[in-house]
């Protein structure tokens, strides 16, 4: 039998303590992993975002009181982008400050960080780039 070229190892289980993320929130759309550093989970029933920092030892989790349908963490820094309906917001969690806000003309169907300073936004008919700077 051939060897499998990739070795899978469980790093953590979001459902078990101390993470204790509700199972209904661990799904596509509300749970994201934008890099090897952060996992963000929108805990919709609780009105908060769980942010798991995989770069710390032991792995740490923080919860922020924020209502959002979706959240994506910046791949390098503690900056989070939130989406609620057609409203998008970017927050710097270390400074506890809103950096930007925008009301989209159409619902966003897909989004992701292209770089530490640029987010790609996809709607049903258009693709947008949204810069953190400026």
N, C-alpha and C. Protein backbone atom coordinates (compact mmCIF):
# COMPACT_ATOMS: atom_id res chain seq x y z
N UNK A 1 0.85 -1.18 0.00
CA UNK A 1 0.00 0.00 0.00
C UNK A 1 0.89 1.24 0.00
N UNK A 2 0.53 2.24 -0.78
CA UNK A 2 1.31 3.46 -0.91
C UNK A 2 1.16 4.34 0.33
N UNK A 3 2.21 5.06 0.64
CA UNK A 3 2.18 5.98 1.76
C UNK A 3 1.41 7.24 1.38
N UNK A 4 0.68 7.80 2.32
CA UNK A 4 -0.05 9.05 2.10
C UNK A 4 0.97 10.18 2.18
N UNK A 5 1.02 11.08 1.16
CA UNK A 5 2.05 12.13 1.15
C UNK A 5 1.82 13.27 2.14
N UNK A 6 0.65 13.32 2.73
CA UNK A 6 0.34 14.40 3.67
C UNK A 6 -0.03 13.78 5.01
N UNK A 7 0.57 14.29 6.07
CA UNK A 7 0.25 13.81 7.41
C UNK A 7 -0.70 14.80 8.07
N UNK A 8 -1.85 14.32 8.52
CA UNK A 8 -2.84 15.16 9.20
C UNK A 8 -2.71 14.98 10.70
N UNK A 9 -2.71 16.10 11.41
CA UNK A 9 -2.65 16.07 12.86
C UNK A 9 -3.65 17.08 13.40
N UNK A 10 -4.48 16.65 14.34
CA UNK A 10 -5.43 17.57 14.96
C UNK A 10 -4.69 18.50 15.90
N UNK A 11 -4.83 19.80 15.66
CA UNK A 11 -4.17 20.80 16.50
C UNK A 11 -5.04 21.12 17.70
N UNK A 12 -6.34 21.29 17.46
CA UNK A 12 -7.27 21.55 18.54
C UNK A 12 -8.67 21.19 18.08
N UNK A 13 -9.55 21.05 19.04
CA UNK A 13 -10.95 20.78 18.74
C UNK A 13 -11.75 21.97 19.25
N UNK A 14 -12.39 22.68 18.34
CA UNK A 14 -13.14 23.89 18.72
C UNK A 14 -14.31 23.60 19.65
N UNK A 15 -14.80 22.39 19.64
CA UNK A 15 -15.98 22.05 20.45
C UNK A 15 -15.64 21.79 21.91
N UNK A 16 -14.40 21.38 22.19
CA UNK A 16 -14.00 21.02 23.55
C UNK A 16 -13.49 22.23 24.32
N UNK A 17 -13.61 22.20 25.67
CA UNK A 17 -13.04 23.27 26.49
C UNK A 17 -11.52 23.33 26.27
N UNK A 18 -10.90 24.47 26.31
CA UNK A 18 -11.43 25.76 26.70
C UNK A 18 -12.08 26.54 25.54
N UNK A 19 -12.05 25.99 24.32
CA UNK A 19 -12.64 26.71 23.18
C UNK A 19 -14.17 26.76 23.29
N UNK A 20 -14.79 25.62 23.45
CA UNK A 20 -16.23 25.47 23.66
C UNK A 20 -17.08 26.30 22.68
N UNK A 21 -16.75 26.19 21.40
CA UNK A 21 -17.53 26.86 20.36
C UNK A 21 -18.76 26.00 20.07
N UNK A 22 -19.96 26.59 20.05
CA UNK A 22 -21.16 25.80 19.76
C UNK A 22 -21.08 25.13 18.38
N UNK A 23 -21.47 23.88 18.30
CA UNK A 23 -21.38 23.08 17.08
C UNK A 23 -22.10 23.75 15.91
N UNK A 24 -23.24 24.39 16.15
CA UNK A 24 -24.00 25.01 15.06
C UNK A 24 -23.27 26.18 14.41
N UNK A 25 -22.21 26.69 15.04
CA UNK A 25 -21.44 27.80 14.47
C UNK A 25 -20.18 27.35 13.73
N UNK A 26 -19.85 26.07 13.83
CA UNK A 26 -18.68 25.54 13.12
C UNK A 26 -19.15 25.03 11.77
N UNK A 27 -19.27 25.97 10.83
CA UNK A 27 -19.75 25.65 9.47
C UNK A 27 -19.25 26.70 8.51
N UNK A 28 -19.36 26.39 7.22
CA UNK A 28 -18.95 27.32 6.17
C UNK A 28 -19.75 28.61 6.29
N UNK A 29 -19.05 29.73 6.22
CA UNK A 29 -19.72 31.02 6.31
C UNK A 29 -19.57 31.68 7.66
N UNK A 30 -19.60 30.89 8.74
CA UNK A 30 -19.45 31.50 10.06
C UNK A 30 -18.14 31.13 10.74
N UNK A 31 -17.41 30.17 10.19
CA UNK A 31 -16.13 29.75 10.75
C UNK A 31 -15.08 29.88 9.64
N UNK A 32 -14.04 30.71 9.86
CA UNK A 32 -13.03 30.93 8.84
C UNK A 32 -11.63 30.77 9.38
N UNK A 33 -10.74 30.36 8.48
CA UNK A 33 -9.31 30.26 8.79
C UNK A 33 -8.58 30.91 7.62
N UNK A 34 -8.27 32.20 7.77
CA UNK A 34 -7.66 32.96 6.68
C UNK A 34 -6.15 32.73 6.57
N UNK A 35 -5.53 32.21 7.60
CA UNK A 35 -4.09 31.94 7.57
C UNK A 35 -3.81 30.85 8.61
N UNK A 36 -2.53 30.58 8.81
CA UNK A 36 -2.18 29.59 9.83
C UNK A 36 -2.14 30.19 11.22
N UNK A 37 -2.57 31.46 11.35
CA UNK A 37 -2.50 32.14 12.64
C UNK A 37 -3.84 32.22 13.37
N UNK A 38 -4.93 32.54 12.65
CA UNK A 38 -6.21 32.80 13.31
C UNK A 38 -7.34 31.93 12.75
N UNK A 39 -8.24 31.57 13.63
CA UNK A 39 -9.54 31.01 13.27
C UNK A 39 -10.57 31.95 13.89
N UNK A 40 -11.56 32.36 13.11
CA UNK A 40 -12.62 33.20 13.67
C UNK A 40 -13.95 32.51 13.48
N UNK A 41 -14.79 32.60 14.52
CA UNK A 41 -16.10 31.95 14.51
C UNK A 41 -17.14 32.96 14.97
N UNK A 42 -18.16 33.17 14.14
CA UNK A 42 -19.28 34.02 14.53
C UNK A 42 -20.24 33.18 15.35
N UNK A 43 -20.33 33.47 16.62
CA UNK A 43 -21.25 32.75 17.50
C UNK A 43 -22.56 33.53 17.49
N UNK A 44 -23.37 33.27 16.46
CA UNK A 44 -24.54 34.09 16.17
C UNK A 44 -25.55 34.13 17.31
N UNK A 45 -25.81 33.04 17.94
CA UNK A 45 -26.78 33.03 19.03
C UNK A 45 -26.33 33.82 20.24
N UNK A 46 -25.03 34.00 20.39
CA UNK A 46 -24.47 34.71 21.54
C UNK A 46 -24.09 36.15 21.23
N UNK A 47 -24.14 36.54 19.93
CA UNK A 47 -23.79 37.91 19.55
C UNK A 47 -22.33 38.23 19.77
N UNK A 48 -21.45 37.27 19.49
CA UNK A 48 -20.03 37.50 19.70
C UNK A 48 -19.20 36.75 18.66
N UNK A 49 -17.95 37.16 18.55
CA UNK A 49 -16.99 36.54 17.66
C UNK A 49 -15.93 35.86 18.52
N UNK A 50 -15.67 34.58 18.28
CA UNK A 50 -14.59 33.87 18.95
C UNK A 50 -13.38 33.90 18.03
N UNK A 51 -12.25 34.36 18.55
CA UNK A 51 -11.01 34.45 17.77
C UNK A 51 -9.98 33.55 18.42
N UNK A 52 -9.56 32.53 17.68
CA UNK A 52 -8.57 31.58 18.17
C UNK A 52 -7.22 31.96 17.57
N UNK A 53 -6.24 32.24 18.43
CA UNK A 53 -4.90 32.59 17.99
C UNK A 53 -4.03 31.35 18.08
N UNK A 54 -3.69 30.78 16.92
CA UNK A 54 -2.92 29.54 16.87
C UNK A 54 -1.42 29.79 17.05
N UNK A 55 -0.99 31.06 17.02
CA UNK A 55 0.44 31.36 17.12
C UNK A 55 0.93 31.39 18.56
N UNK A 56 0.02 31.38 19.53
CA UNK A 56 0.43 31.40 20.93
C UNK A 56 0.54 29.98 21.46
N UNK A 57 1.33 29.82 22.51
CA UNK A 57 1.46 28.50 23.12
C UNK A 57 1.20 28.64 24.61
N UNK A 58 0.13 28.13 25.15
CA UNK A 58 -0.90 27.35 24.46
C UNK A 58 -1.80 28.24 23.60
N UNK A 59 -2.53 27.60 22.71
CA UNK A 59 -3.47 28.30 21.83
C UNK A 59 -4.45 29.10 22.68
N UNK A 60 -4.68 30.37 22.31
CA UNK A 60 -5.57 31.21 23.11
C UNK A 60 -6.84 31.54 22.34
N UNK A 61 -7.89 31.81 23.08
CA UNK A 61 -9.16 32.22 22.48
C UNK A 61 -9.63 33.48 23.18
N UNK A 62 -10.10 34.44 22.38
CA UNK A 62 -10.71 35.64 22.93
C UNK A 62 -12.07 35.78 22.28
N UNK A 63 -12.99 36.36 23.01
CA UNK A 63 -14.33 36.59 22.48
C UNK A 63 -14.62 38.08 22.53
N UNK A 64 -15.13 38.59 21.41
CA UNK A 64 -15.46 40.01 21.28
C UNK A 64 -16.96 40.14 21.08
N UNK A 65 -17.59 41.05 21.81
CA UNK A 65 -19.02 41.32 21.62
C UNK A 65 -19.21 42.09 20.34
N UNK A 66 -19.54 41.39 19.27
CA UNK A 66 -19.76 41.98 17.96
C UNK A 66 -20.81 41.16 17.25
N UNK A 67 -21.81 41.82 16.70
CA UNK A 67 -22.82 41.11 15.91
C UNK A 67 -22.41 41.14 14.46
N UNK A 68 -22.29 39.96 13.85
CA UNK A 68 -21.91 39.86 12.45
C UNK A 68 -22.36 38.52 11.90
N UNK A 69 -22.61 38.50 10.60
CA UNK A 69 -22.93 37.24 9.92
C UNK A 69 -21.65 36.49 9.60
N UNK A 70 -20.58 37.24 9.32
CA UNK A 70 -19.31 36.63 8.95
C UNK A 70 -18.16 37.53 9.41
N UNK A 71 -17.01 36.90 9.65
CA UNK A 71 -15.82 37.63 10.08
C UNK A 71 -14.60 36.95 9.49
N UNK A 72 -13.63 37.77 9.06
CA UNK A 72 -12.35 37.23 8.60
C UNK A 72 -11.23 38.02 9.26
N UNK A 73 -10.28 37.30 9.82
CA UNK A 73 -9.13 37.92 10.47
C UNK A 73 -8.04 38.20 9.46
N UNK A 74 -7.37 39.33 9.63
CA UNK A 74 -6.22 39.66 8.82
C UNK A 74 -5.18 38.56 9.00
N UNK A 75 -4.48 38.16 7.94
CA UNK A 75 -3.53 37.05 8.07
C UNK A 75 -2.31 37.34 8.95
N UNK A 76 -1.99 38.62 9.17
CA UNK A 76 -0.79 38.95 9.94
C UNK A 76 -1.03 39.70 11.24
N UNK A 77 -2.06 40.51 11.31
CA UNK A 77 -2.25 41.37 12.48
C UNK A 77 -3.63 41.17 13.10
N UNK A 78 -3.83 41.77 14.25
CA UNK A 78 -5.11 41.64 14.94
C UNK A 78 -6.11 42.67 14.40
N UNK A 79 -6.42 42.50 13.13
CA UNK A 79 -7.40 43.32 12.43
C UNK A 79 -8.47 42.36 11.92
N UNK A 80 -9.73 42.71 12.16
CA UNK A 80 -10.84 41.84 11.77
C UNK A 80 -11.79 42.61 10.85
N UNK A 81 -12.28 41.91 9.83
CA UNK A 81 -13.30 42.47 8.94
C UNK A 81 -14.61 41.75 9.25
N UNK A 82 -15.68 42.53 9.40
CA UNK A 82 -16.99 41.99 9.75
C UNK A 82 -17.99 42.30 8.65
N UNK A 83 -18.93 41.38 8.45
CA UNK A 83 -20.00 41.59 7.48
C UNK A 83 -21.33 41.30 8.14
N UNK A 84 -22.25 42.27 8.03
CA UNK A 84 -23.62 42.12 8.52
C UNK A 84 -24.53 42.66 7.43
N UNK A 85 -25.20 41.77 6.70
CA UNK A 85 -25.98 42.21 5.56
C UNK A 85 -25.04 42.76 4.51
N UNK A 86 -25.29 43.98 4.07
CA UNK A 86 -24.43 44.62 3.08
C UNK A 86 -23.46 45.61 3.70
N UNK A 87 -23.41 45.65 5.03
CA UNK A 87 -22.51 46.55 5.74
C UNK A 87 -21.22 45.80 6.07
N UNK A 88 -20.09 46.41 5.69
CA UNK A 88 -18.77 45.86 5.98
C UNK A 88 -18.03 46.82 6.91
N UNK A 89 -17.30 46.26 7.87
CA UNK A 89 -16.52 47.08 8.79
C UNK A 89 -15.19 46.40 9.05
N UNK A 90 -14.16 47.21 9.27
CA UNK A 90 -12.83 46.71 9.63
C UNK A 90 -12.44 47.33 10.96
N UNK A 91 -12.01 46.49 11.91
CA UNK A 91 -11.62 46.94 13.24
C UNK A 91 -10.19 46.49 13.55
N UNK A 92 -9.44 47.36 14.22
CA UNK A 92 -8.16 47.01 14.78
C UNK A 92 -8.42 46.60 16.22
N UNK A 93 -8.24 45.33 16.54
CA UNK A 93 -8.57 44.82 17.87
C UNK A 93 -7.57 45.27 18.93
N UNK A 94 -6.31 45.49 18.56
CA UNK A 94 -5.32 45.94 19.54
C UNK A 94 -5.58 47.38 19.96
N UNK A 95 -5.97 48.23 19.01
CA UNK A 95 -6.25 49.64 19.32
C UNK A 95 -7.71 49.86 19.71
N UNK A 96 -8.53 48.83 19.54
CA UNK A 96 -9.97 48.93 19.81
C UNK A 96 -10.59 50.09 19.04
N UNK A 97 -10.30 50.12 17.72
CA UNK A 97 -10.77 51.22 16.89
C UNK A 97 -11.31 50.71 15.56
N UNK A 98 -12.39 51.37 15.10
CA UNK A 98 -12.91 51.07 13.77
C UNK A 98 -12.03 51.77 12.76
N UNK A 99 -11.56 51.02 11.77
CA UNK A 99 -10.69 51.57 10.76
C UNK A 99 -11.47 52.05 9.54
N UNK A 100 -12.45 51.26 9.13
CA UNK A 100 -13.22 51.58 7.93
C UNK A 100 -14.60 50.96 8.02
N UNK A 101 -15.51 51.53 7.23
CA UNK A 101 -16.87 51.01 7.11
C UNK A 101 -17.35 51.30 5.70
N UNK A 102 -18.15 50.38 5.15
CA UNK A 102 -18.67 50.59 3.80
C UNK A 102 -20.00 49.84 3.67
N UNK A 103 -20.93 50.45 2.95
CA UNK A 103 -22.21 49.82 2.64
C UNK A 103 -22.16 49.35 1.19
N UNK A 104 -22.18 48.04 0.97
CA UNK A 104 -22.07 47.47 -0.38
C UNK A 104 -23.37 47.68 -1.15
N UNK A 105 -23.27 47.86 -2.48
CA UNK A 105 -24.47 48.03 -3.30
C UNK A 105 -25.24 46.72 -3.50
N UNK A 106 -24.58 45.59 -3.27
CA UNK A 106 -25.20 44.27 -3.44
C UNK A 106 -24.63 43.32 -2.38
N UNK A 107 -25.35 42.25 -2.06
CA UNK A 107 -24.84 41.29 -1.06
C UNK A 107 -23.51 40.65 -1.49
N UNK A 108 -22.62 40.50 -0.53
CA UNK A 108 -21.33 39.86 -0.78
C UNK A 108 -21.52 38.35 -0.64
N UNK A 109 -21.12 37.61 -1.69
CA UNK A 109 -21.26 36.15 -1.66
C UNK A 109 -19.97 35.46 -1.26
N UNK A 110 -18.83 36.14 -1.46
CA UNK A 110 -17.53 35.58 -1.08
C UNK A 110 -16.58 36.74 -0.81
N UNK A 111 -15.71 36.55 0.20
CA UNK A 111 -14.69 37.56 0.49
C UNK A 111 -13.51 36.91 1.15
N UNK A 112 -12.34 37.53 0.98
CA UNK A 112 -11.14 37.03 1.63
C UNK A 112 -10.04 38.08 1.56
N UNK A 113 -9.07 37.96 2.46
CA UNK A 113 -7.91 38.84 2.45
C UNK A 113 -6.99 38.40 1.32
N UNK A 114 -6.64 39.31 0.42
CA UNK A 114 -5.66 39.03 -0.62
C UNK A 114 -4.25 39.30 -0.12
N UNK A 115 -4.13 40.27 0.77
CA UNK A 115 -2.86 40.64 1.39
C UNK A 115 -3.21 41.26 2.74
N UNK A 116 -2.23 41.61 3.55
CA UNK A 116 -2.55 42.26 4.83
C UNK A 116 -3.26 43.60 4.70
N UNK A 117 -3.28 44.18 3.50
CA UNK A 117 -3.90 45.48 3.30
C UNK A 117 -5.05 45.50 2.30
N UNK A 118 -5.45 44.34 1.77
CA UNK A 118 -6.44 44.31 0.69
C UNK A 118 -7.40 43.14 0.84
N UNK A 119 -8.71 43.45 0.73
CA UNK A 119 -9.76 42.44 0.80
C UNK A 119 -10.44 42.36 -0.56
N UNK A 120 -10.65 41.14 -1.05
CA UNK A 120 -11.43 40.92 -2.27
C UNK A 120 -12.87 40.64 -1.88
N UNK A 121 -13.81 41.28 -2.58
CA UNK A 121 -15.24 41.12 -2.32
C UNK A 121 -15.92 40.69 -3.62
N UNK A 122 -16.70 39.62 -3.55
CA UNK A 122 -17.39 39.11 -4.73
C UNK A 122 -18.89 39.19 -4.49
N UNK A 123 -19.60 39.82 -5.44
CA UNK A 123 -21.06 39.83 -5.41
C UNK A 123 -21.55 38.97 -6.58
N UNK A 124 -22.85 38.93 -6.81
CA UNK A 124 -23.40 38.12 -7.90
C UNK A 124 -22.92 38.59 -9.27
N UNK A 125 -22.60 39.87 -9.41
CA UNK A 125 -22.24 40.40 -10.72
C UNK A 125 -20.91 41.15 -10.77
N UNK A 126 -20.26 41.38 -9.62
CA UNK A 126 -19.04 42.20 -9.61
C UNK A 126 -18.01 41.65 -8.64
N UNK A 127 -16.77 42.10 -8.86
CA UNK A 127 -15.67 41.80 -7.97
C UNK A 127 -15.05 43.14 -7.57
N UNK A 128 -14.82 43.32 -6.28
CA UNK A 128 -14.27 44.57 -5.75
C UNK A 128 -13.01 44.30 -4.97
N UNK A 129 -12.11 45.28 -4.91
CA UNK A 129 -10.98 45.27 -4.00
C UNK A 129 -11.20 46.41 -3.01
N UNK A 130 -11.00 46.12 -1.73
CA UNK A 130 -11.19 47.11 -0.67
C UNK A 130 -9.89 47.22 0.11
N UNK A 131 -9.26 48.38 0.04
CA UNK A 131 -7.99 48.61 0.70
C UNK A 131 -8.22 49.07 2.14
N UNK A 132 -7.42 48.56 3.04
CA UNK A 132 -7.46 48.97 4.44
C UNK A 132 -6.89 50.38 4.57
N UNK A 133 -5.94 50.70 3.72
CA UNK A 133 -5.28 52.00 3.76
C UNK A 133 -6.11 53.04 3.03
N UNK A 134 -5.96 54.29 3.45
CA UNK A 134 -6.60 55.39 2.74
C UNK A 134 -8.02 55.66 3.04
